[in-house]
C-alpha cells in the first residue's frame, strides 16, 4: 500500500463538499450589529467597573462604621483580609478573633439608643399599675375568705 494519495479515489472527504465563501465587504446589517455589540461590550465594562468601585466603597464604609462603633483605630482595617464578608457581624467576629494581636479588649459596651430607652419607659408605665398573677391569686384568695360584706367592700376599694 502506498502512502501517496491517489486523486482519483473512489471515496471523497465529506468536508471537501462544503463551500466556504468569505465576504470581502460586510453588509450594512452586519456593520450595525458589530457596532451595537461594541457598544454593549463597552457598557458592560463600564458597569462592571462601577460595580467594583461601589462594592469597594461599601465595604470600606461598613468597616469604618463598625470600627467607629467599637471605638477602634481605623488603621487596623488594612489588616482585614479581602475575602472576609463585608458585614458588621463578620467584621466583629474577626476583631474578636484577633483582638489579642492588636491589644483590643473583647468586652463590648452595650449602649441603649434613645428609642430603646423610650420603649422601656413605655413598658414600665404600662406595667406599673398592672396586676401580676401572684397579686391576682392573693386578691382572689382574700375575696374568697372574706367573712363579711364590709371586709369585701374594703378589699374592692383598696384595689
N, C-alpha and C. Protein backbone atom coordinates (compact mmCIF):
# COMPACT_ATOMS: atom_id res chain seq x y z
N UNK A 1 0.84 -1.17 0.00
CA UNK A 1 0.00 0.00 0.00
C UNK A 1 0.88 1.22 0.00
N UNK A 2 0.53 2.15 -0.74
CA UNK A 2 1.36 3.33 -0.92
C UNK A 2 0.86 4.45 -0.02
N UNK A 3 1.77 5.28 0.39
CA UNK A 3 1.41 6.41 1.24
C UNK A 3 0.90 7.58 0.40
N UNK A 4 1.10 7.53 -0.86
CA UNK A 4 0.65 8.61 -1.73
C UNK A 4 -0.84 8.45 -1.96
N UNK A 5 -1.51 9.56 -1.92
CA UNK A 5 -2.95 9.52 -2.16
C UNK A 5 -3.23 9.67 -3.65
N UNK A 6 -4.07 8.85 -4.10
CA UNK A 6 -4.47 8.94 -5.49
C UNK A 6 -5.62 9.92 -5.58
N UNK A 7 -5.54 10.88 -6.45
CA UNK A 7 -6.56 11.90 -6.58
C UNK A 7 -7.85 11.30 -7.09
N UNK A 8 -7.79 10.29 -7.80
CA UNK A 8 -8.99 9.69 -8.37
C UNK A 8 -9.50 8.54 -7.50
N UNK A 9 -9.48 8.70 -6.20
CA UNK A 9 -10.01 7.67 -5.31
C UNK A 9 -11.51 7.54 -5.48
N UNK A 10 -11.99 6.40 -5.08
CA UNK A 10 -13.43 6.18 -5.16
C UNK A 10 -14.17 6.92 -4.04
N UNK A 11 -13.49 7.22 -3.00
CA UNK A 11 -14.16 7.93 -1.90
C UNK A 11 -13.61 9.33 -1.82
N UNK A 12 -14.44 10.23 -1.30
CA UNK A 12 -14.03 11.62 -1.16
C UNK A 12 -14.34 12.08 0.26
N UNK A 13 -13.60 13.01 0.69
CA UNK A 13 -13.82 13.56 2.02
C UNK A 13 -15.11 14.36 2.02
N UNK A 14 -15.93 14.18 3.05
CA UNK A 14 -17.19 14.92 3.11
C UNK A 14 -16.95 16.41 3.30
N UNK A 15 -15.86 16.75 3.95
CA UNK A 15 -15.57 18.15 4.19
C UNK A 15 -15.21 18.89 2.91
N UNK A 16 -14.85 18.17 1.91
CA UNK A 16 -14.48 18.81 0.64
C UNK A 16 -15.69 19.41 -0.06
N UNK A 17 -16.88 18.92 0.28
CA UNK A 17 -18.09 19.41 -0.37
C UNK A 17 -18.55 20.76 0.18
N UNK A 18 -18.06 21.13 1.33
CA UNK A 18 -18.52 22.38 1.96
C UNK A 18 -17.89 23.55 1.21
N UNK A 19 -18.74 24.42 0.77
CA UNK A 19 -18.27 25.59 0.04
C UNK A 19 -18.16 26.76 1.01
N UNK A 20 -16.94 27.10 1.34
CA UNK A 20 -16.71 28.21 2.25
C UNK A 20 -16.49 29.47 1.43
N UNK A 21 -17.40 30.38 1.61
CA UNK A 21 -17.25 31.65 0.91
C UNK A 21 -17.02 32.73 1.95
N UNK A 22 -16.17 33.62 1.66
CA UNK A 22 -15.89 34.72 2.57
C UNK A 22 -16.42 35.99 1.95
N UNK A 23 -16.88 36.85 2.83
CA UNK A 23 -17.39 38.12 2.36
C UNK A 23 -16.28 39.15 2.44
N UNK A 24 -16.01 39.74 1.33
CA UNK A 24 -14.98 40.77 1.33
C UNK A 24 -15.51 42.06 1.95
N UNK A 25 -16.75 42.30 1.73
CA UNK A 25 -17.33 43.52 2.31
C UNK A 25 -18.55 43.13 3.13
N UNK A 26 -18.65 43.71 4.31
CA UNK A 26 -19.79 43.41 5.19
C UNK A 26 -21.02 44.16 4.70
N UNK A 27 -22.14 43.55 4.96
CA UNK A 27 -23.38 44.23 4.63
C UNK A 27 -23.65 45.27 5.70
N UNK A 28 -24.60 46.13 5.43
CA UNK A 28 -24.94 47.20 6.36
C UNK A 28 -25.46 46.63 7.68
N UNK A 29 -26.22 45.57 7.63
CA UNK A 29 -26.76 44.94 8.84
C UNK A 29 -25.65 44.39 9.72
N UNK A 30 -24.68 43.75 9.13
CA UNK A 30 -23.57 43.19 9.91
C UNK A 30 -22.78 44.33 10.56
N UNK A 31 -22.58 45.41 9.84
CA UNK A 31 -21.86 46.56 10.41
C UNK A 31 -22.62 47.12 11.62
N UNK A 32 -23.93 47.23 11.48
CA UNK A 32 -24.74 47.75 12.59
C UNK A 32 -24.70 46.81 13.79
N UNK A 33 -24.75 45.51 13.52
CA UNK A 33 -24.70 44.54 14.61
C UNK A 33 -23.36 44.59 15.33
N UNK A 34 -22.28 44.73 14.57
CA UNK A 34 -20.96 44.81 15.20
C UNK A 34 -20.83 46.08 16.03
N UNK A 35 -21.36 47.17 15.53
CA UNK A 35 -21.31 48.43 16.26
C UNK A 35 -22.12 48.32 17.55
N UNK A 36 -23.31 47.73 17.45
CA UNK A 36 -24.15 47.54 18.63
C UNK A 36 -23.46 46.62 19.64
N UNK A 37 -22.78 45.60 19.14
CA UNK A 37 -22.06 44.68 20.01
C UNK A 37 -20.92 45.40 20.74
N UNK A 38 -20.19 46.25 20.04
CA UNK A 38 -19.11 47.00 20.66
C UNK A 38 -19.66 47.95 21.74
N UNK A 39 -20.79 48.59 21.45
CA UNK A 39 -21.41 49.48 22.42
C UNK A 39 -21.84 48.70 23.67
N UNK A 40 -22.42 47.53 23.45
CA UNK A 40 -22.85 46.71 24.59
C UNK A 40 -21.65 46.25 25.42
N UNK A 41 -20.58 45.85 24.76
CA UNK A 41 -19.38 45.42 25.49
C UNK A 41 -18.79 46.58 26.29
N UNK A 42 -18.80 47.78 25.71
CA UNK A 42 -18.29 48.96 26.42
C UNK A 42 -19.17 49.27 27.62
N UNK A 43 -20.48 49.18 27.44
CA UNK A 43 -21.42 49.45 28.53
C UNK A 43 -21.24 48.41 29.66
N UNK A 44 -21.07 47.17 29.29
CA UNK A 44 -20.86 46.11 30.30
C UNK A 44 -19.57 46.37 31.07
N UNK A 45 -18.53 46.77 30.37
CA UNK A 45 -17.25 47.04 31.03
C UNK A 45 -17.38 48.21 32.00
N UNK A 46 -18.09 49.27 31.58
CA UNK A 46 -18.31 50.42 32.45
C UNK A 46 -19.12 50.02 33.69
N UNK A 47 -20.16 49.23 33.48
CA UNK A 47 -20.99 48.79 34.61
C UNK A 47 -20.20 47.90 35.58
N UNK A 48 -19.34 47.04 35.05
CA UNK A 48 -18.52 46.20 35.92
C UNK A 48 -17.54 47.05 36.73
N UNK A 49 -16.98 48.08 36.10
CA UNK A 49 -16.08 48.98 36.82
C UNK A 49 -16.82 49.73 37.92
N UNK A 50 -18.03 50.22 37.60
CA UNK A 50 -18.84 50.92 38.59
C UNK A 50 -19.21 50.00 39.75
N UNK A 51 -19.59 48.78 39.43
CA UNK A 51 -19.96 47.82 40.47
C UNK A 51 -18.77 47.53 41.38
N UNK A 52 -17.60 47.37 40.79
CA UNK A 52 -16.41 47.12 41.59
C UNK A 52 -16.09 48.28 42.51
N UNK A 53 -16.19 49.49 42.01
CA UNK A 53 -15.87 50.65 42.86
C UNK A 53 -16.92 50.85 43.94
N UNK A 54 -18.20 50.61 43.61
CA UNK A 54 -19.25 50.75 44.62
C UNK A 54 -19.14 49.68 45.69
N UNK A 55 -18.80 48.47 45.29
CA UNK A 55 -18.62 47.38 46.26
C UNK A 55 -17.47 47.69 47.20
N UNK A 56 -16.40 48.21 46.64
CA UNK A 56 -15.24 48.57 47.46
C UNK A 56 -15.58 49.69 48.43
N UNK A 57 -16.30 50.70 47.95
CA UNK A 57 -16.68 51.82 48.80
C UNK A 57 -17.64 51.37 49.91
N UNK A 58 -18.55 50.47 49.57
CA UNK A 58 -19.49 49.96 50.58
C UNK A 58 -18.75 49.17 51.64
N UNK A 59 -17.81 48.36 51.23
CA UNK A 59 -17.01 47.57 52.19
C UNK A 59 -16.24 48.49 53.12
N UNK A 60 -15.60 49.51 52.55
CA UNK A 60 -14.84 50.45 53.36
C UNK A 60 -15.75 51.18 54.35
N UNK A 61 -16.95 51.53 53.92
CA UNK A 61 -17.90 52.23 54.78
C UNK A 61 -18.35 51.33 55.94
N UNK A 62 -18.65 50.07 55.64
CA UNK A 62 -19.08 49.14 56.68
C UNK A 62 -17.96 48.93 57.69
N UNK A 63 -16.74 48.77 57.22
CA UNK A 63 -15.60 48.58 58.12
C UNK A 63 -15.40 49.82 58.98
N UNK A 64 -15.46 50.99 58.36
CA UNK A 64 -15.26 52.24 59.10
C UNK A 64 -16.34 52.42 60.16
N UNK A 65 -17.59 52.16 59.81
CA UNK A 65 -18.68 52.30 60.77
C UNK A 65 -18.55 51.31 61.92
N UNK A 66 -18.18 50.08 61.61
CA UNK A 66 -18.02 49.06 62.65
C UNK A 66 -16.90 49.44 63.60
N UNK A 67 -15.79 49.92 63.06
CA UNK A 67 -14.66 50.32 63.89
C UNK A 67 -15.03 51.53 64.75
N UNK A 68 -15.75 52.50 64.16
CA UNK A 68 -16.15 53.68 64.91
C UNK A 68 -17.11 53.30 66.04
N UNK A 69 -18.01 52.38 65.77
CA UNK A 69 -18.98 51.94 66.78
C UNK A 69 -18.27 51.28 67.95
N UNK A 70 -17.21 50.55 67.68
CA UNK A 70 -16.47 49.85 68.73
C UNK A 70 -15.36 50.70 69.32
N UNK A 71 -15.11 51.88 68.75
CA UNK A 71 -14.07 52.75 69.25
C UNK A 71 -12.67 52.23 68.97
N UNK A 72 -12.48 51.63 67.81
CA UNK A 72 -11.21 51.03 67.44
C UNK A 72 -10.55 51.89 66.37
N UNK A 73 -9.23 51.99 66.43
CA UNK A 73 -8.47 52.76 65.45
C UNK A 73 -8.69 52.18 64.05
N UNK A 74 -8.98 53.04 63.09
CA UNK A 74 -9.29 52.60 61.73
C UNK A 74 -8.09 52.08 60.97
N UNK A 75 -6.89 52.29 61.47
CA UNK A 75 -5.69 51.80 60.79
C UNK A 75 -5.64 50.28 60.78
N UNK A 76 -6.34 49.65 61.73
CA UNK A 76 -6.38 48.19 61.79
C UNK A 76 -7.12 47.62 60.59
N UNK A 77 -7.95 48.44 59.94
CA UNK A 77 -8.74 47.97 58.79
C UNK A 77 -7.86 47.46 57.67
N UNK A 78 -6.64 47.94 57.58
CA UNK A 78 -5.75 47.49 56.50
C UNK A 78 -5.35 46.03 56.67
N UNK A 79 -5.53 45.47 57.86
CA UNK A 79 -5.17 44.08 58.11
C UNK A 79 -6.32 43.11 57.88
N UNK A 80 -7.51 43.63 57.62
CA UNK A 80 -8.67 42.75 57.38
C UNK A 80 -8.49 42.07 56.03
N UNK A 81 -8.66 40.75 55.97
CA UNK A 81 -8.49 40.04 54.70
C UNK A 81 -9.53 40.47 53.67
N UNK A 82 -9.14 40.46 52.42
CA UNK A 82 -10.03 40.89 51.34
C UNK A 82 -11.18 39.92 51.13
N UNK A 83 -11.00 38.65 51.49
CA UNK A 83 -12.06 37.67 51.27
C UNK A 83 -13.05 37.60 52.42
N UNK A 84 -12.87 38.43 53.45
CA UNK A 84 -13.81 38.47 54.57
C UNK A 84 -15.09 39.17 54.13
N UNK A 85 -16.22 38.59 54.50
CA UNK A 85 -17.51 39.16 54.14
C UNK A 85 -17.65 40.56 54.73
N UNK A 86 -18.19 41.46 53.95
CA UNK A 86 -18.32 42.85 54.39
C UNK A 86 -19.64 43.06 55.13
N UNK A 87 -19.74 42.48 56.32
CA UNK A 87 -20.91 42.69 57.16
C UNK A 87 -20.43 43.00 58.57
N UNK A 88 -21.19 43.78 59.32
CA UNK A 88 -20.77 44.12 60.68
C UNK A 88 -20.52 42.89 61.56
N UNK A 89 -21.33 41.85 61.39
CA UNK A 89 -21.15 40.64 62.19
C UNK A 89 -19.83 39.95 61.87
N UNK A 90 -19.51 39.83 60.59
CA UNK A 90 -18.27 39.17 60.19
C UNK A 90 -17.06 39.98 60.64
N UNK A 91 -17.14 41.28 60.53
CA UNK A 91 -16.03 42.13 60.94
C UNK A 91 -15.86 42.08 62.46
N UNK A 92 -16.97 42.10 63.19
CA UNK A 92 -16.89 42.00 64.65
C UNK A 92 -16.30 40.66 65.07
N UNK A 93 -16.69 39.60 64.38
CA UNK A 93 -16.12 38.28 64.67
C UNK A 93 -14.62 38.25 64.42
N UNK A 94 -14.20 38.86 63.33
CA UNK A 94 -12.76 38.90 63.02
C UNK A 94 -12.02 39.70 64.08
N UNK A 95 -12.62 40.83 64.51
CA UNK A 95 -11.98 41.65 65.54
C UNK A 95 -11.85 40.89 66.85
N UNK A 96 -12.89 40.15 67.22
CA UNK A 96 -12.83 39.37 68.45
C UNK A 96 -11.79 38.26 68.34
N UNK A 97 -11.69 37.65 67.18
CA UNK A 97 -10.74 36.56 66.99
C UNK A 97 -9.30 37.06 67.09
N UNK A 98 -9.02 38.24 66.55
CA UNK A 98 -7.66 38.76 66.53
C UNK A 98 -7.47 39.93 67.50
N UNK A 99 -8.32 40.05 68.49
CA UNK A 99 -8.22 41.18 69.42
C UNK A 99 -6.91 41.15 70.21
N UNK A 100 -6.41 39.96 70.53
CA UNK A 100 -5.16 39.87 71.28
C UNK A 100 -3.97 40.36 70.47
N UNK A 101 -4.04 40.21 69.15
CA UNK A 101 -2.94 40.66 68.28
C UNK A 101 -2.83 42.19 68.30
N UNK A 102 -3.98 42.86 68.34
CA UNK A 102 -3.99 44.32 68.28
C UNK A 102 -4.11 44.95 69.66
N UNK A 103 -4.18 44.13 70.71
CA UNK A 103 -4.29 44.66 72.06
C UNK A 103 -5.64 45.27 72.36
N UNK A 104 -6.69 44.70 71.80
CA UNK A 104 -8.04 45.22 72.00
C UNK A 104 -8.72 44.46 73.12
N UNK A 105 -9.65 45.14 73.77
CA UNK A 105 -10.46 44.47 74.78
C UNK A 105 -11.65 43.84 74.09
N UNK A 106 -11.98 42.62 74.50
CA UNK A 106 -13.08 41.92 73.85
C UNK A 106 -14.43 42.21 74.49
N UNK A 107 -14.44 42.86 75.65
CA UNK A 107 -15.72 43.19 76.27
C UNK A 107 -16.37 44.31 75.48
N UNK A 108 -17.63 44.14 75.26
CA UNK A 108 -18.36 45.12 74.47
C UNK A 108 -19.27 45.92 75.38
N UNK A 109 -19.28 47.20 75.17
CA UNK A 109 -20.19 48.06 75.91
C UNK A 109 -21.53 48.06 75.19
N UNK A 110 -22.57 47.85 75.94
CA UNK A 110 -23.90 47.88 75.33
C UNK A 110 -24.52 49.24 75.65
N UNK A 111 -24.77 49.97 74.64
CA UNK A 111 -25.38 51.28 74.79
C UNK A 111 -26.80 51.21 74.28
N UNK A 112 -27.69 51.82 75.04
CA UNK A 112 -29.09 51.84 74.63
C UNK A 112 -29.34 53.10 73.82
N UNK A 113 -30.06 52.94 72.75
CA UNK A 113 -30.40 54.10 71.94
C UNK A 113 -31.56 54.83 72.61
N UNK A 114 -31.82 56.03 72.17
CA UNK A 114 -32.92 56.82 72.73
C UNK A 114 -34.26 56.13 72.49
N UNK A 115 -34.38 55.47 71.36
CA UNK A 115 -35.62 54.77 71.06
C UNK A 115 -35.82 53.59 72.02
N UNK A 116 -34.74 52.88 72.31
CA UNK A 116 -34.84 51.76 73.26
C UNK A 116 -35.23 52.25 74.64
N UNK A 117 -34.65 53.36 75.06
CA UNK A 117 -34.97 53.93 76.37
C UNK A 117 -36.43 54.34 76.43
N UNK A 118 -36.93 54.98 75.36
CA UNK A 118 -38.33 55.39 75.32
C UNK A 118 -39.25 54.17 75.38
N UNK A 119 -38.87 53.10 74.67
CA UNK A 119 -39.67 51.88 74.68
C UNK A 119 -39.70 51.26 76.07
N UNK A 120 -38.56 51.24 76.74
CA UNK A 120 -38.51 50.71 78.10
C UNK A 120 -39.36 51.54 79.06
N UNK A 121 -39.36 52.85 78.89
CA UNK A 121 -40.21 53.71 79.73
C UNK A 121 -41.68 53.44 79.49
N UNK A 122 -42.05 53.23 78.23
CA UNK A 122 -43.45 52.90 77.93
C UNK A 122 -43.86 51.59 78.58
N UNK A 123 -42.98 50.61 78.49
CA UNK A 123 -43.28 49.31 79.10
C UNK A 123 -43.41 49.45 80.62
N UNK A 124 -42.56 50.27 81.21
CA UNK A 124 -42.62 50.47 82.64
C UNK A 124 -43.93 51.16 83.04
N UNK A 125 -44.35 52.15 82.25
CA UNK A 125 -45.59 52.86 82.55
C UNK A 125 -46.80 51.93 82.43
N UNK A 126 -46.78 51.04 81.48
CA UNK A 126 -47.90 50.11 81.28
C UNK A 126 -47.95 49.08 82.41
N UNK A 127 -46.80 48.58 82.79
CA UNK A 127 -46.77 47.51 83.79
C UNK A 127 -46.74 48.03 85.22
N UNK A 128 -46.60 49.34 85.40
CA UNK A 128 -46.50 49.90 86.74
C UNK A 128 -47.73 49.59 87.58
N UNK A 129 -48.90 49.81 87.06
CA UNK A 129 -50.12 49.56 87.83
C UNK A 129 -50.78 48.25 87.49
N UNK A 130 -50.10 47.42 86.75
CA UNK A 130 -50.69 46.17 86.30
C UNK A 130 -50.80 45.18 87.45
N UNK A 131 -51.72 44.29 87.31
CA UNK A 131 -51.96 43.24 88.30
C UNK A 131 -51.17 42.01 87.89
N UNK A 132 -50.23 41.62 88.72
CA UNK A 132 -49.43 40.44 88.41
C UNK A 132 -50.16 39.19 88.86
N UNK A 133 -49.79 38.03 88.33
CA UNK A 133 -50.51 36.80 88.69
C UNK A 133 -50.50 36.49 90.19
N UNK A 134 -49.39 36.78 90.86
CA UNK A 134 -49.37 36.48 92.29
C UNK A 134 -50.28 37.40 93.07
N UNK A 135 -50.41 38.67 92.62
CA UNK A 135 -51.35 39.60 93.27
C UNK A 135 -52.79 39.17 92.99
N UNK A 136 -53.04 38.70 91.78
CA UNK A 136 -54.40 38.27 91.44
C UNK A 136 -54.82 37.07 92.27
N UNK A 137 -53.91 36.12 92.44
CA UNK A 137 -54.23 34.95 93.25
C UNK A 137 -54.43 35.34 94.71
N UNK A 138 -53.59 36.26 95.19
CA UNK A 138 -53.72 36.73 96.56
C UNK A 138 -55.04 37.45 96.76
N UNK A 139 -55.41 38.33 95.83
CA UNK A 139 -56.67 39.06 95.92
C UNK A 139 -57.85 38.10 95.86
N UNK A 140 -57.77 37.10 94.97
CA UNK A 140 -58.86 36.14 94.85
C UNK A 140 -59.02 35.34 96.15
N UNK A 141 -57.90 34.96 96.72
CA UNK A 141 -57.99 34.20 97.97
C UNK A 141 -58.55 35.06 99.10
N UNK A 142 -58.23 36.36 99.13
CA UNK A 142 -58.77 37.23 100.17
C UNK A 142 -60.25 37.47 99.96
N UNK A 143 -60.68 37.58 98.68
CA UNK A 143 -62.12 37.75 98.40
C UNK A 143 -62.87 36.50 98.83
N UNK A 144 -62.32 35.35 98.54
CA UNK A 144 -62.99 34.10 98.89
C UNK A 144 -63.04 33.89 100.41
N UNK A 145 -62.06 34.44 101.11
CA UNK A 145 -62.00 34.26 102.56
C UNK A 145 -62.63 35.41 103.33
N UNK A 146 -63.24 36.35 102.62
CA UNK A 146 -63.87 37.48 103.31
C UNK A 146 -65.03 36.97 104.17
N UNK A 147 -65.04 37.43 105.41
CA UNK A 147 -66.06 36.95 106.36
C UNK A 147 -67.32 37.77 106.29
N UNK A 148 -67.20 39.03 105.86
CA UNK A 148 -68.40 39.87 105.85
C UNK A 148 -68.40 40.74 104.59
N UNK A 149 -69.53 41.38 104.38
CA UNK A 149 -69.67 42.26 103.23
C UNK A 149 -68.80 43.50 103.40
N UNK A 150 -68.62 43.97 104.65
CA UNK A 150 -67.78 45.14 104.90
C UNK A 150 -66.32 44.83 104.53
N UNK A 151 -65.86 43.65 104.87
CA UNK A 151 -64.49 43.25 104.54
C UNK A 151 -64.32 43.15 103.02
N UNK A 152 -65.33 42.64 102.31
CA UNK A 152 -65.30 42.52 100.85
C UNK A 152 -65.28 43.91 100.21
N UNK A 153 -66.08 44.85 100.73
CA UNK A 153 -66.11 46.21 100.22
C UNK A 153 -64.76 46.89 100.43
N UNK A 154 -64.15 46.66 101.56
CA UNK A 154 -62.84 47.28 101.86
C UNK A 154 -61.78 46.73 100.88
N UNK A 155 -61.84 45.43 100.57
CA UNK A 155 -60.89 44.86 99.60
C UNK A 155 -61.04 45.48 98.22
N UNK A 156 -62.28 45.67 97.80
CA UNK A 156 -62.54 46.25 96.49
C UNK A 156 -62.08 47.70 96.43
N UNK A 157 -62.32 48.46 97.47
CA UNK A 157 -61.94 49.87 97.47
C UNK A 157 -60.43 50.06 97.54
N UNK A 158 -59.74 49.18 98.19
CA UNK A 158 -58.29 49.30 98.30
C UNK A 158 -57.58 48.95 96.98
N UNK A 159 -58.17 48.09 96.20
CA UNK A 159 -57.55 47.70 94.95
C UNK A 159 -58.25 48.36 93.84
